[in-house]
C-alpha atoms as a PDB file:
ATOM      1  CA  MET A   1       0.009   0.019  -0.157  1.00  0.00           C
ATOM      2  CA  TYR A   2       0.937   3.641  -0.562  1.00  0.00           C
ATOM      3  CA  ALA A   3       2.543   5.412   2.620  1.00  0.00           C
ATOM      4  CA  VAL A   4       4.306   8.652   3.013  1.00  0.00           C
ATOM      5  CA  THR A   5       7.449   7.970   4.619  1.00  0.00           C
ATOM      6  CA  VAL A   6      10.859   9.569   6.155  1.00  0.00           C
ATOM      7  CA  ILE A   7      14.215   8.402   7.665  1.00  0.00           C
ATOM      8  CA  PRO A   8      14.203  10.275  11.037  1.00  0.00           C
ATOM      9  CA  GLY A   9      17.169  12.693  11.471  1.00  0.00           C
ATOM     10  CA  THR A  10      17.925  12.406   7.750  1.00  0.00           C
ATOM     11  CA  ALA A  11      16.997  15.784   5.862  1.00  0.00           C
ATOM     12  CA  ASP A  12      15.224  15.532   2.462  1.00  0.00           C
ATOM     13  CA  SER A  13      14.584  11.735   3.052  1.00  0.00           C
ATOM     14  CA  LEU A  14      10.702  12.262   2.260  1.00  0.00           C
ATOM     15  CA  ARG A  15       9.280   9.577  -0.145  1.00  0.00           C
ATOM     16  CA  LEU A  16       6.233   8.003  -1.130  1.00  0.00           C
ATOM     17  CA  VAL A  17       6.490   4.408  -1.223  1.00  0.00           C
ATOM     18  CA  ASP A  18       3.899   1.829  -2.995  1.00  0.00           C
ATOM     19  CA  ASN A  19       4.768  -1.265  -1.226  1.00  0.00           C
ATOM     20  CA  PHE A  20       4.827  -0.477   2.560  1.00  0.00           C
ATOM     21  CA  PRO A  21       3.236  -3.398   4.504  1.00  0.00           C
ATOM     22  CA  GLU A  22      -0.312  -3.745   5.748  1.00  0.00           C
ATOM     23  CA  PRO A  23      -0.825  -2.588   9.481  1.00  0.00           C
ATOM     24  CA  SER A  24      -0.150  -5.408  11.693  1.00  0.00           C
ATOM     25  CA  PRO A  25      -3.064  -6.597  13.976  1.00  0.00           C
ATOM     26  CA  GLN A  26      -0.661  -5.703  16.922  1.00  0.00           C
ATOM     27  CA  GLU A  27      -1.698  -2.104  16.310  1.00  0.00           C
ATOM     28  CA  GLY A  28      -5.335  -2.950  17.161  1.00  0.00           C
ATOM     29  CA  PRO A  29      -8.447  -4.329  15.868  1.00  0.00           C
ATOM     30  CA  VAL A  30      -9.974  -1.496  14.409  1.00  0.00           C
ATOM     31  CA  LEU A  31      -8.932  -1.232  10.777  1.00  0.00           C
ATOM     32  CA  VAL A  32      -9.358   2.088   9.067  1.00  0.00           C
ATOM     33  CA  GLU A  33      -8.998   3.485   5.455  1.00  0.00           C
ATOM     34  CA  THR A  34      -7.554   6.865   5.492  1.00  0.00           C
ATOM     35  CA  LEU A  35      -9.318   9.629   3.675  1.00  0.00           C
ATOM     36  CA  SER A  36      -6.976  12.436   4.407  1.00  0.00           C
ATOM     37  CA  ALA A  37      -4.015  13.535   6.414  1.00  0.00           C
ATOM     38  CA  GLY A  38      -3.334  17.074   7.635  1.00  0.00           C
ATOM     39  CA  ILE A  39       0.166  18.541   7.356  1.00  0.00           C
ATOM     40  CA  CYS A  40       1.519  21.200   9.900  1.00  0.00           C
ATOM     41  CA  GLY A  41       4.931  22.482  10.933  1.00  0.00           C
ATOM     42  CA  THR A  42       5.620  19.433  12.932  1.00  0.00           C
ATOM     43  CA  ASP A  43       5.627  17.345   9.664  1.00  0.00           C
ATOM     44  CA  ARG A  44       8.002  19.859   8.033  1.00  0.00           C
ATOM     45  CA  GLU A  45      10.607  19.791  10.903  1.00  0.00           C
ATOM     46  CA  ILE A  46      10.591  15.960  10.870  1.00  0.00           C
ATOM     47  CA  ILE A  47      11.055  16.270   6.887  1.00  0.00           C
ATOM     48  CA  ASP A  48      13.920  18.542   7.695  1.00  0.00           C
ATOM     49  CA  GLY A  49      15.741  15.965  10.188  1.00  0.00           C
ATOM     50  CA  ALA A  50      15.188  18.255  13.029  1.00  0.00           C
ATOM     51  CA  PHE A  51      13.632  15.427  15.241  1.00  0.00           C
ATOM     52  CA  GLY A  52      11.262  12.251  14.729  1.00  0.00           C
ATOM     53  CA  GLU A  53      11.650   8.612  15.904  1.00  0.00           C
ATOM     54  CA  ALA A  54      10.920   5.599  13.824  1.00  0.00           C
ATOM     55  CA  PRO A  55       9.264   2.420  15.613  1.00  0.00           C
ATOM     56  CA  PRO A  56      11.418  -0.220  17.182  1.00  0.00           C
ATOM     57  CA  GLY A  57      13.244  -2.397  14.854  1.00  0.00           C
ATOM     58  CA  SER A  58      12.604   0.198  11.753  1.00  0.00           C
ATOM     59  CA  ASP A  59      14.575   2.985  10.426  1.00  0.00           C
ATOM     60  CA  THR A  60      11.748   4.407   8.530  1.00  0.00           C
ATOM     61  CA  LEU A  61       8.977   6.498  10.089  1.00  0.00           C
ATOM     62  CA  VAL A  62       5.411   7.005   8.296  1.00  0.00           C
ATOM     63  CA  LEU A  63       4.322  10.606   8.656  1.00  0.00           C
ATOM     64  CA  GLY A  64       0.837  12.085   9.717  1.00  0.00           C
ATOM     65  CA  HIS A  65      -0.396  12.735  13.223  1.00  0.00           C
ATOM     66  CA  GLU A  66      -3.682  14.676  11.682  1.00  0.00           C
ATOM     67  CA  SER A  67      -5.951  12.024  10.375  1.00  0.00           C
ATOM     68  CA  LEU A  68      -9.263  11.320   9.056  1.00  0.00           C
ATOM     69  CA  GLY A  69     -10.430   7.775   7.860  1.00  0.00           C
ATOM     70  CA  ARG A  70     -13.546   5.206   7.479  1.00  0.00           C
ATOM     71  CA  VAL A  71     -13.756   2.304   9.594  1.00  0.00           C
ATOM     72  CA  ILE A  72     -13.268  -0.901   7.600  1.00  0.00           C
ATOM     73  CA  GLU A  73     -13.861  -3.178  10.246  1.00  0.00           C
ATOM     74  CA  ASP A  74     -13.940  -3.582  14.298  1.00  0.00           C
ATOM     75  CA  PRO A  75     -14.413  -7.122  15.635  1.00  0.00           C
ATOM     76  CA  THR A  76     -14.950  -5.794  18.861  1.00  0.00           C
ATOM     77  CA  GLY A  77     -18.260  -4.363  17.850  1.00  0.00           C
ATOM     78  CA  GLN A  78     -17.545  -0.570  19.298  1.00  0.00           C
ATOM     79  CA  LEU A  79     -17.405   0.844  15.794  1.00  0.00           C
ATOM     80  CA  ARG A  80     -19.174   0.273  12.923  1.00  0.00           C
ATOM     81  CA  ALA A  81     -17.979  -0.298   9.304  1.00  0.00           C
ATOM     82  CA  GLY A  82     -18.116   3.254   7.402  1.00  0.00           C
ATOM     83  CA  ASP A  83     -17.911   5.093  10.595  1.00  0.00           C
ATOM     84  CA  LEU A  84     -15.886   8.284  10.202  1.00  0.00           C
ATOM     85  CA  ILE A  85     -13.134   8.590  12.715  1.00  0.00           C
ATOM     86  CA  ALA A  86      -9.781  10.300  13.651  1.00  0.00           C
ATOM     87  CA  GLY A  87      -7.095   8.633  15.412  1.00  0.00           C
ATOM     88  CA  ILE A  88      -5.651   9.953  18.654  1.00  0.00           C
ATOM     89  CA  VAL A  89      -2.011  10.820  18.294  1.00  0.00           C
ATOM     90  CA  ARG A  90      -0.367   9.994  21.435  1.00  0.00           C
ATOM     91  CA  HIS A  91      -0.327   6.690  23.434  1.00  0.00           C
ATOM     92  CA  PRO A  92       0.491   6.153  26.924  1.00  0.00           C
ATOM     93  CA  ASP A  93       4.052   4.920  27.910  1.00  0.00           C
ATOM     94  CA  PRO A  94       4.183   1.321  28.963  1.00  0.00           C
ATOM     95  CA  VAL A  95       5.551   1.719  32.469  1.00  0.00           C
ATOM     96  CA  PRO A  96       3.197   3.775  33.097  1.00  0.00           C
ATOM     97  CA  CYS A  97       3.697   6.889  34.939  1.00  0.00           C
ATOM     98  CA  PRO A  98       0.774   8.248  37.183  1.00  0.00           C
ATOM     99  CA  ASN A  99      -0.673  10.510  34.693  1.00  0.00           C
ATOM    100  CA  CYS A 100      -0.644   7.892  31.665  1.00  0.00           C
ATOM    101  CA  ALA A 101      -2.232   5.322  34.000  1.00  0.00           C
ATOM    102  CA  ALA A 102      -5.077   7.656  34.766  1.00  0.00           C
ATOM    103  CA  ARG A 103      -5.395   8.266  30.796  1.00  0.00           C
ATOM    104  CA  GLU A 104      -4.036  11.658  30.971  1.00  0.00           C
ATOM    105  CA  TRP A 105      -1.184  10.890  28.567  1.00  0.00           C
ATOM    106  CA  ASP A 106      -0.894  14.471  27.358  1.00  0.00           C
ATOM    107  CA  MET A 107       0.557  15.136  30.796  1.00  0.00           C
ATOM    108  CA  CYS A 108       3.134  12.214  30.670  1.00  0.00           C
ATOM    109  CA  ARG A 109       5.972  12.792  33.568  1.00  0.00           C
ATOM    110  CA  ASN A 110       8.558  10.377  32.082  1.00  0.00           C
ATOM    111  CA  GLY A 111       8.375  11.103  28.352  1.00  0.00           C
ATOM    112  CA  LEU A 112       8.036   7.189  27.251  1.00  0.00           C
ATOM    113  CA  TYR A 113       4.582   8.001  25.480  1.00  0.00           C
ATOM    114  CA  THR A 114       4.650   7.269  21.639  1.00  0.00           C
ATOM    115  CA  GLU A 115       3.006   9.568  18.988  1.00  0.00           C
ATOM    116  CA  HIS A 116       1.840   8.528  15.530  1.00  0.00           C
ATOM    117  CA  GLY A 117       3.956   9.911  12.641  1.00  0.00           C
ATOM    118  CA  ILE A 118       6.130  11.578  15.381  1.00  0.00           C
ATOM    119  CA  LYS A 119       7.562   9.334  17.917  1.00  0.00           C
ATOM    120  CA  ALA A 120       8.062   5.560  17.709  1.00  0.00           C
ATOM    121  CA  ARG A 121       4.689   4.878  16.237  1.00  0.00           C
ATOM    122  CA  GLN A 122       3.864   4.718  12.523  1.00  0.00           C
ATOM    123  CA  GLY A 123       1.700   7.675  11.437  1.00  0.00           C
ATOM    124  CA  PHE A 124      -1.746   8.114   9.404  1.00  0.00           C
ATOM    125  CA  ALA A 125      -0.085   9.173   6.011  1.00  0.00           C
ATOM    126  CA  ARG A 126      -0.907   5.572   4.653  1.00  0.00           C
ATOM    127  CA  GLU A 127      -3.671   4.081   2.680  1.00  0.00           C
ATOM    128  CA  ARG A 128      -4.764   1.834   5.834  1.00  0.00           C
ATOM    129  CA  TRP A 129      -3.986   1.792   9.771  1.00  0.00           C
ATOM    130  CA  ARG A 130      -5.081   0.259  12.649  1.00  0.00           C
ATOM    131  CA  THR A 131      -5.825   1.288  16.278  1.00  0.00           C
ATOM    132  CA  GLN A 132      -7.432   0.306  19.401  1.00  0.00           C
ATOM    133  CA  PRO A 133     -10.903   1.593  19.945  1.00  0.00           C
ATOM    134  CA  GLU A 134     -10.221   3.888  22.653  1.00  0.00           C
ATOM    135  CA  PHE A 135      -8.119   5.750  20.403  1.00  0.00           C
ATOM    136  CA  ALA A 136     -10.694   6.243  17.455  1.00  0.00           C
ATOM    137  CA  VAL A 137     -12.766   9.297  17.908  1.00  0.00           C
ATOM    138  CA  PRO A 138     -16.046   9.222  16.049  1.00  0.00           C
ATOM    139  CA  LEU A 139     -16.826  12.377  13.980  1.00  0.00           C
ATOM    140  CA  ALA A 140     -20.549  13.403  13.082  1.00  0.00           C
ATOM    141  CA  PRO A 141     -20.907  12.327   9.089  1.00  0.00           C
ATOM    142  CA  GLY A 142     -21.145  15.923   8.113  1.00  0.00           C
ATOM    143  CA  LEU A 143     -17.594  16.638   8.719  1.00  0.00           C
ATOM    144  CA  ALA A 144     -16.410  14.134   6.085  1.00  0.00           C
ATOM    145  CA  GLU A 145     -14.775  17.411   4.389  1.00  0.00           C
ATOM    146  CA  VAL A 146     -13.273  18.912   7.180  1.00  0.00           C
ATOM    147  CA  GLY A 147     -12.828  16.161   9.961  1.00  0.00           C
ATOM    148  CA  VAL A 148      -8.942  16.205   9.468  1.00  0.00           C
ATOM    149  CA  LEU A 149      -9.163  19.606  11.743  1.00  0.00           C
ATOM    150  CA  LEU A 150      -9.875  17.205  14.649  1.00  0.00           C
ATOM    151  CA  GLU A 151      -6.359  16.915  16.067  1.00  0.00           C
ATOM    152  CA  PRO A 152      -5.539  20.912  16.148  1.00  0.00           C
ATOM    153  CA  ALA A 153      -9.027  21.295  17.427  1.00  0.00           C
ATOM    154  CA  SER A 154      -8.168  18.690  20.518  1.00  0.00           C
ATOM    155  CA  VAL A 155      -5.028  20.939  21.062  1.00  0.00           C
ATOM    156  CA  VAL A 156      -7.195  23.870  21.327  1.00  0.00           C
ATOM    157  CA  ALA A 157      -9.958  22.020  23.503  1.00  0.00           C
ATOM    158  CA  LYS A 158      -7.357  21.296  26.215  1.00  0.00           C
ATOM    159  CA  GLY A 159      -6.149  24.872  26.401  1.00  0.00           C
ATOM    160  CA  TRP A 160      -9.603  25.972  26.830  1.00  0.00           C
ATOM    161  CA  GLU A 161     -10.429  23.433  29.513  1.00  0.00           C
ATOM    162  CA  HIS A 162      -7.185  24.270  31.381  1.00  0.00           C
ATOM    163  CA  VAL A 163      -8.130  28.119  31.192  1.00  0.00           C
ATOM    164  CA  ASP A 164     -11.513  27.162  32.799  1.00  0.00           C
ATOM    165  CA  ARG A 165     -10.093  25.329  35.584  1.00  0.00           C
ATOM    166  CA  ILE A 166      -7.422  27.904  36.450  1.00  0.00           C
ATOM    167  CA  GLY A 167     -10.275  30.700  36.244  1.00  0.00           C
ATOM    168  CA  ALA A 168     -12.203  28.597  38.822  1.00  0.00           C
ATOM    169  CA  ARG A 169      -9.875  29.652  41.612  1.00  0.00           C
ATOM    170  CA  SER A 170     -11.978  32.759  42.078  1.00  0.00           C
ATOM    171  CA  VAL A 171     -14.942  34.501  41.076  1.00  0.00           C
ATOM    172  CA  TRP A 172     -14.288  35.031  37.421  1.00  0.00           C
ATOM    173  CA  ARG A 173     -16.234  36.149  34.594  1.00  0.00           C
ATOM    174  CA  PRO A 174     -14.088  36.726  31.562  1.00  0.00           C
ATOM    175  CA  ARG A 175     -15.573  38.822  28.790  1.00  0.00           C
ATOM    176  CA  ARG A 176     -12.761  39.315  26.206  1.00  0.00           C
ATOM    177  CA  VAL A 177     -10.157  36.767  24.650  1.00  0.00           C
ATOM    178  CA  LEU A 178      -7.289  37.730  22.502  1.00  0.00           C
ATOM    179  CA  VAL A 179      -5.862  35.139  20.357  1.00  0.00           C
ATOM    180  CA  THR A 180      -2.265  35.689  18.635  1.00  0.00           C
ATOM    181  CA  GLY A 181      -1.759  33.972  15.374  1.00  0.00           C
ATOM    182  CA  ALA A 182      -4.300  33.302  12.817  1.00  0.00           C
ATOM    183  CA  GLY A 183      -3.106  29.641  11.720  1.00  0.00           C
ATOM    184  CA  PRO A 184      -5.288  26.638  12.213  1.00  0.00           C
ATOM    185  CA  ILE A 185      -4.420  26.503  15.796  1.00  0.00           C
ATOM    186  CA  GLY A 186      -5.353  30.264  16.299  1.00  0.00           C
ATOM    187  CA  LEU A 187      -8.487  30.094  14.256  1.00  0.00           C
ATOM    188  CA  LEU A 188      -9.737  27.063  16.007  1.00  0.00           C
ATOM    189  CA  ALA A 189      -8.895  28.732  19.258  1.00  0.00           C
ATOM    190  CA  ALA A 190     -11.075  31.807  18.283  1.00  0.00           C
ATOM    191  CA  LEU A 191     -13.751  29.497  17.146  1.00  0.00           C
ATOM    192  CA  LEU A 192     -14.022  27.863  20.600  1.00  0.00           C
ATOM    193  CA  GLY A 193     -13.928  31.138  22.226  1.00  0.00           C
ATOM    194  CA  GLN A 194     -16.792  32.599  20.127  1.00  0.00           C
ATOM    195  CA  GLN A 195     -18.916  29.295  21.067  1.00  0.00           C
ATOM    196  CA  ARG A 196     -18.405  30.312  24.774  1.00  0.00           C
ATOM    197  CA  GLY A 197     -19.987  33.829  23.958  1.00  0.00           C
ATOM    198  CA  LEU A 198     -16.562  35.736  24.585  1.00  0.00           C
ATOM    199  CA  GLU A 199     -15.690  38.792  22.523  1.00  0.00           C
ATOM    200  CA  VAL A 200     -12.823  37.419  20.301  1.00  0.00           C
ATOM    201  CA  HIS A 201     -10.017  39.380  18.869  1.00  0.00           C
ATOM    202  CA  VAL A 202      -7.555  37.608  16.572  1.00  0.00           C
ATOM    203  CA  LEU A 203      -3.998  39.111  16.040  1.00  0.00           C
ATOM    204  CA  ASP A 204      -1.546  38.418  13.005  1.00  0.00           C
ATOM    205  CA  ARG A 205       0.617  39.830  10.670  1.00  0.00           C
ATOM    206  CA  ALA A 206      -1.274  39.321   7.676  1.00  0.00           C
ATOM    207  CA  GLU A 207      -3.304  42.237   6.444  1.00  0.00           C
ATOM    208  CA  VAL A 208      -5.382  40.952   3.667  1.00  0.00           C
ATOM    209  CA  GLY A 209      -6.315  37.313   2.498  1.00  0.00           C
ATOM    210  CA  HIS A 210      -7.897  34.419   3.898  1.00  0.00           C
ATOM    211  CA  LYS A 211      -6.952  35.059   7.868  1.00  0.00           C
ATOM    212  CA  PRO A 212      -8.881  38.438   7.941  1.00  0.00           C
ATOM    213  CA  ALA A 213     -11.971  37.027   5.897  1.00  0.00           C
ATOM    214  CA  LEU A 214     -12.194  34.073   8.044  1.00  0.00           C
ATOM    215  CA  VAL A 215     -12.021  36.020  11.382  1.00  0.00           C
ATOM    216  CA  ASP A 216     -14.638  38.408  10.089  1.00  0.00           C
ATOM    217  CA  ARG A 217     -16.899  35.541   8.836  1.00  0.00           C
ATOM    218  CA  LEU A 218     -16.479  34.213  12.582  1.00  0.00           C
ATOM    219  CA  GLY A 219     -18.145  37.356  14.059  1.00  0.00           C
ATOM    220  CA  ALA A 220     -14.637  38.500  15.675  1.00  0.00           C
ATOM    221  CA  THR A 221     -12.356  41.163  15.501  1.00  0.00           C
ATOM    222  CA  TYR A 222      -9.096  41.230  13.554  1.00  0.00           C
ATOM    223  CA  HIS A 223      -5.832  43.156  14.189  1.00  0.00           C
ATOM    224  CA  ALA A 224      -2.658  43.444  12.159  1.00  0.00           C
ATOM    225  CA  GLY A 225      -0.553  45.615  14.251  1.00  0.00           C
ATOM    226  CA  PRO A 226       1.493  44.842  17.380  1.00  0.00           C
ATOM    227  CA  VAL A 227       0.122  43.385  20.686  1.00  0.00           C
ATOM    228  CA  MET A 228       1.126  46.503  22.582  1.00  0.00           C
ATOM    229  CA  ALA A 229      -0.877  48.955  20.452  1.00  0.00           C
ATOM    230  CA  LEU A 230      -4.015  47.114  21.398  1.00  0.00           C
ATOM    231  CA  ASP A 231      -6.413  49.403  23.094  1.00  0.00           C
ATOM    232  CA  PHE A 232      -7.804  47.002  25.528  1.00  0.00           C
ATOM    233  CA  GLU A 233      -6.586  44.286  28.145  1.00  0.00           C
ATOM    234  CA  PRO A 234      -7.901  40.959  27.560  1.00  0.00           C
ATOM    235  CA  ASP A 235      -9.159  38.605  30.041  1.00  0.00           C
ATOM    236  CA  ILE A 236      -7.655  35.613  28.374  1.00  0.00           C
ATOM    237  CA  VAL A 237      -4.863  35.010  26.019  1.00  0.00           C
ATOM    238  CA  LEU A 238      -4.215  32.087  23.634  1.00  0.00           C
ATOM    239  CA  GLU A 239      -0.845  32.532  21.951  1.00  0.00           C
ATOM    240  CA  CYS A 240      -0.395  30.467  19.046  1.00  0.00           C
ATOM    241  CA  THR A 241       2.590  31.899  17.385  1.00  0.00           C
ATOM    242  CA  GLY A 242       5.365  30.892  19.525  1.00  0.00           C
ATOM    243  CA  ALA A 243       7.214  34.304  18.515  1.00  0.00           C
ATOM    244  CA  PRO A 244       9.302  35.150  21.584  1.00  0.00           C
ATOM    245  CA  THR A 245       8.388  38.913  21.181  1.00  0.00           C
ATOM    246  CA  VAL A 246       4.484  38.067  21.250  1.00  0.00           C
ATOM    247  CA  VAL A 247       4.875  35.774  23.944  1.00  0.00           C
ATOM    248  CA  ILE A 248       6.504  38.337  26.045  1.00  0.00           C
ATOM    249  CA  ASP A 249       4.032  41.133  25.020  1.00  0.00           C
ATOM    250  CA  VAL A 250       0.930  39.212  26.041  1.00  0.00           C
ATOM    251  CA  MET A 251       2.189  38.564  29.386  1.00  0.00           C
ATOM    252  CA  ASP A 252       2.561  42.117  29.900  1.00  0.00           C
ATOM    253  CA  LYS A 253      -0.776  42.933  28.023  1.00  0.00           C
ATOM    254  CA  VAL A 254      -3.236  40.628  29.982  1.00  0.00           C
ATOM    255  CA  GLY A 255      -5.526  42.336  32.269  1.00  0.00           C
ATOM    256  CA  ARG A 256      -6.078  41.599  36.152  1.00  0.00           C
ATOM    257  CA  ASN A 257      -6.643  38.071  37.241  1.00  0.00           C
ATOM    258  CA  GLY A 258      -5.688  37.185  33.375  1.00  0.00           C
ATOM    259  CA  ILE A 259      -4.706  33.683  31.948  1.00  0.00           C
ATOM    260  CA  VAL A 260      -2.400  33.302  29.151  1.00  0.00           C
ATOM    261  CA  CYS A 261      -2.102  29.893  27.608  1.00  0.00           C
ATOM    262  CA  LEU A 262       0.940  29.162  25.337  1.00  0.00           C
ATOM    263  CA  THR A 263       0.525  26.703  22.499  1.00  0.00           C
ATOM    264  CA  GLY A 264       2.894  28.071  20.098  1.00  0.00           C
ATOM    265  CA  VAL A 265       6.498  26.373  20.205  1.00  0.00           C
ATOM    266  CA  SER A 266       9.374  28.677  19.992  1.00  0.00           C
ATOM    267  CA  THR A 267      12.214  27.756  17.830  1.00  0.00           C
ATOM    268  CA  GLY A 268      15.057  29.297  20.089  1.00  0.00           C
ATOM    269  CA  GLY A 269      18.225  30.926  18.820  1.00  0.00           C
ATOM    270  CA  ARG A 270      17.318  34.485  19.358  1.00  0.00           C
ATOM    271  CA  THR A 271      17.930  36.526  22.375  1.00  0.00           C
ATOM    272  CA  ILE A 272      15.610  39.358  23.277  1.00  0.00           C
ATOM    273  CA  GLU A 273      15.964  41.975  26.051  1.00  0.00           C
ATOM    274  CA  ILE A 274      13.034  42.132  28.738  1.00  0.00           C
ATOM    275  CA  ASP A 275      12.677  43.808  32.084  1.00  0.00           C
ATOM    276  CA  ALA A 276      12.140  40.497  34.125  1.00  0.00           C
ATOM    277  CA  GLY A 277      11.609  42.327  37.358  1.00  0.00           C
ATOM    278  CA  ALA A 278       8.880  44.494  35.861  1.00  0.00           C
ATOM    279  CA  LEU A 279       7.217  41.462  34.490  1.00  0.00           C
ATOM    280  CA  ASN A 280       7.231  39.478  37.498  1.00  0.00           C
ATOM    281  CA  HIS A 281       5.826  42.480  39.216  1.00  0.00           C
ATOM    282  CA  SER A 282       2.927  42.548  37.206  1.00  0.00           C
ATOM    283  CA  LEU A 283       2.348  38.818  37.372  1.00  0.00           C
ATOM    284  CA  VAL A 284       2.122  38.672  40.988  1.00  0.00           C
ATOM    285  CA  LEU A 285       0.456  41.711  41.760  1.00  0.00           C
ATOM    286  CA  GLU A 286      -2.172  41.047  39.314  1.00  0.00           C
ATOM    287  CA  ASN A 287      -2.742  37.440  40.099  1.00  0.00           C
ATOM    288  CA  ASN A 288      -1.885  36.616  36.619  1.00  0.00           C
ATOM    289  CA  VAL A 289      -1.371  33.100  35.352  1.00  0.00           C
ATOM    290  CA  VAL A 290       0.915  31.890  32.291  1.00  0.00           C
ATOM    291  CA  PHE A 291       0.964  28.303  31.485  1.00  0.00           C
ATOM    292  CA  GLY A 292       1.865  26.214  28.446  1.00  0.00           C
ATOM    293  CA  SER A 293      -0.245  23.398  26.837  1.00  0.00           C
ATOM    294  CA  VAL A 294       0.402  20.671  24.383  1.00  0.00           C
ATOM    295  CA  ASN A 295      -1.068  17.417  22.828  1.00  0.00           C
ATOM    296  CA  ALA A 296      -4.522  16.196  24.290  1.00  0.00           C
ATOM    297  CA  ASN A 297      -6.156  13.160  25.743  1.00  0.00           C
ATOM    298  CA  ARG A 298      -9.406  11.407  24.812  1.00  0.00           C
ATOM    299  CA  ARG A 299     -11.645  13.777  26.758  1.00  0.00           C
ATOM    300  CA  HIS A 300     -10.188  16.760  24.929  1.00  0.00           C
ATOM    301  CA  TRP A 301     -10.519  15.069  21.335  1.00  0.00           C
ATOM    302  CA  LEU A 302     -14.442  14.287  22.177  1.00  0.00           C
ATOM    303  CA  GLN A 303     -14.751  17.942  23.304  1.00  0.00           C
ATOM    304  CA  ALA A 304     -13.201  19.039  20.014  1.00  0.00           C
ATOM    305  CA  ALA A 305     -15.417  16.606  17.981  1.00  0.00           C
ATOM    306  CA  GLU A 306     -18.478  18.243  19.572  1.00  0.00           C
ATOM    307  CA  ALA A 307     -17.032  21.716  18.931  1.00  0.00           C
ATOM    308  CA  LEU A 308     -16.390  20.873  15.436  1.00  0.00           C
ATOM    309  CA  ALA A 309     -20.179  19.504  14.935  1.00  0.00           C
ATOM    310  CA  ARG A 310     -21.290  22.800  16.105  1.00  0.00           C
ATOM    311  CA  ALA A 311     -19.418  24.938  13.661  1.00  0.00           C
ATOM    312  CA  ASP A 312     -20.521  26.086  10.318  1.00  0.00           C
ATOM    313  CA  VAL A 313     -18.931  23.495   8.011  1.00  0.00           C
ATOM    314  CA  GLY A 314     -18.224  26.230   5.406  1.00  0.00           C
ATOM    315  CA  TRP A 315     -16.357  28.271   7.779  1.00  0.00           C
ATOM    316  CA  LEU A 316     -14.323  25.018   8.943  1.00  0.00           C
ATOM    317  CA  ALA A 317     -13.769  24.297   5.236  1.00  0.00           C
ATOM    318  CA  GLY A 318     -12.269  27.809   4.705  1.00  0.00           C
ATOM    319  CA  LEU A 319      -9.351  26.691   6.929  1.00  0.00           C
ATOM    320  CA  ILE A 320      -8.137  24.176   4.475  1.00  0.00           C
ATOM    321  CA  THR A 321      -6.678  26.196   1.675  1.00  0.00           C
ATOM    322  CA  ARG A 322      -4.916  23.530   0.103  1.00  0.00           C
ATOM    323  CA  ARG A 323      -5.774  19.781  -1.031  1.00  0.00           C
ATOM    324  CA  GLU A 324      -3.098  17.782  -2.755  1.00  0.00           C
ATOM    325  CA  ASP A 325      -3.398  14.169  -3.687  1.00  0.00           C
ATOM    326  CA  LEU A 326      -0.619  11.635  -3.413  1.00  0.00           C
ATOM    327  CA  ASP A 327       0.784  12.375  -6.672  1.00  0.00           C
ATOM    328  CA  HIS A 328       1.592  15.690  -5.491  1.00  0.00           C
ATOM    329  CA  TYR A 329       2.731  14.506  -2.049  1.00  0.00           C
ATOM    330  CA  ALA A 330       6.103  16.502  -2.073  1.00  0.00           C
ATOM    331  CA  GLU A 331       4.195  19.809  -3.026  1.00  0.00           C
ATOM    332  CA  ALA A 332       1.931  19.316  -0.219  1.00  0.00           C
ATOM    333  CA  TYR A 333       4.905  19.245   2.208  1.00  0.00           C
ATOM    334  CA  GLU A 334       6.409  22.460   0.934  1.00  0.00           C
ATOM    335  CA  GLY A 335       4.775  25.441   2.629  1.00  0.00           C
ATOM    336  CA  GLN A 336       3.205  28.122   0.661  1.00  0.00           C
ATOM    337  CA  PRO A 337       2.553  31.946   1.612  1.00  0.00           C
ATOM    338  CA  ASP A 338      -1.135  31.671   1.901  1.00  0.00           C
ATOM    339  CA  ASP A 339      -1.405  28.365   3.453  1.00  0.00           C
ATOM    340  CA  ILE A 340      -3.732  27.730   6.380  1.00  0.00           C
ATOM    341  CA  LYS A 341      -4.226  24.129   6.552  1.00  0.00           C
ATOM    342  CA  VAL A 342      -2.802  21.927   3.588  1.00  0.00           C
ATOM    343  CA  VAL A 343      -4.666  18.406   3.465  1.00  0.00           C
ATOM    344  CA  LEU A 344      -3.194  15.253   1.679  1.00  0.00           C
ATOM    345  CA  GLU A 345      -5.967  13.323   0.097  1.00  0.00           C
ATOM    346  CA  PHE A 346      -5.846   9.552  -0.492  1.00  0.00           C
ATOM    347  CA  PRO A 347      -7.527   7.551  -2.937  1.00  0.00           C
ATOM    348  CA  ALA A 348     -10.451   6.518  -0.661  1.00  0.00           C
ATOM    349  CA  ALA A 349     -11.379  10.259  -0.510  1.00  0.00           C
ATOM    350  CA  ARG A 350     -12.536  10.372  -4.231  1.00  0.00           C
END
């Protein structure tokens, strides 16, 4: 069968192979045919050789951690043939740590988890894959064109859940949220803010194009200037760029009792000068909280599936700015300036 593979740690080893082995029953009883695989910066970093880990006994890693597929069979009876599903990316470590034992593998303490298409587990960018029923998340049939957005939506759902938990430390009635970055994570973060009934503001560098239009269609407010030029103090910030200057600025900009969730990952290699004392002063005296969030467990995936089911499918479709078939797999993994979400489509989607 066809699969998109790399040799982890080897730059430019991206290949489409046509004789990849069928998924082993050891991967799970649920057999799935792939409809599409979403592509993000993580995939491109793996292709560049920055990181990635092949499964034990192999030097090849199948890419793809953003999935959409249809069930072919599930002998356990928990899923039906034809069900639309996505596969959960992270699996708990075999030890397991206390969090993995409690099914909170997104908070793994010892780093021995595995991840489809990233770390020691084959990815979803292959024609067929297998999984355990508990790692398959059902999607509403109407999401067949956009269900591949579930993985990034699960990351956002976790961030919002933790914002809610932290906010419960006091009487807290947030009104306004600022999302920095209008990529898939940022736009989905804005969607969930809008579904919570908040006043949503999105800040990004793009002044025209898909991003401002999508924010406007959501009923939110778009900003293209610097954070410190904003004329309001948000109650909540979801920082989705990882840009160091933006990270520091939103910590300073958030209002009293405010919460900043960092979901963007900084690349490092750049030093900026900050007044750490002043930042500490404001965080302490204003009871602010800054926390990082990555990955998601099944609870968050289910929350994300519900959020997508409630959303306007036409709006969600606008996030997918490019679809490529397997014949153009290499182009799919090459970023273009106007990309928001790029999707690689498999023959079963036709």
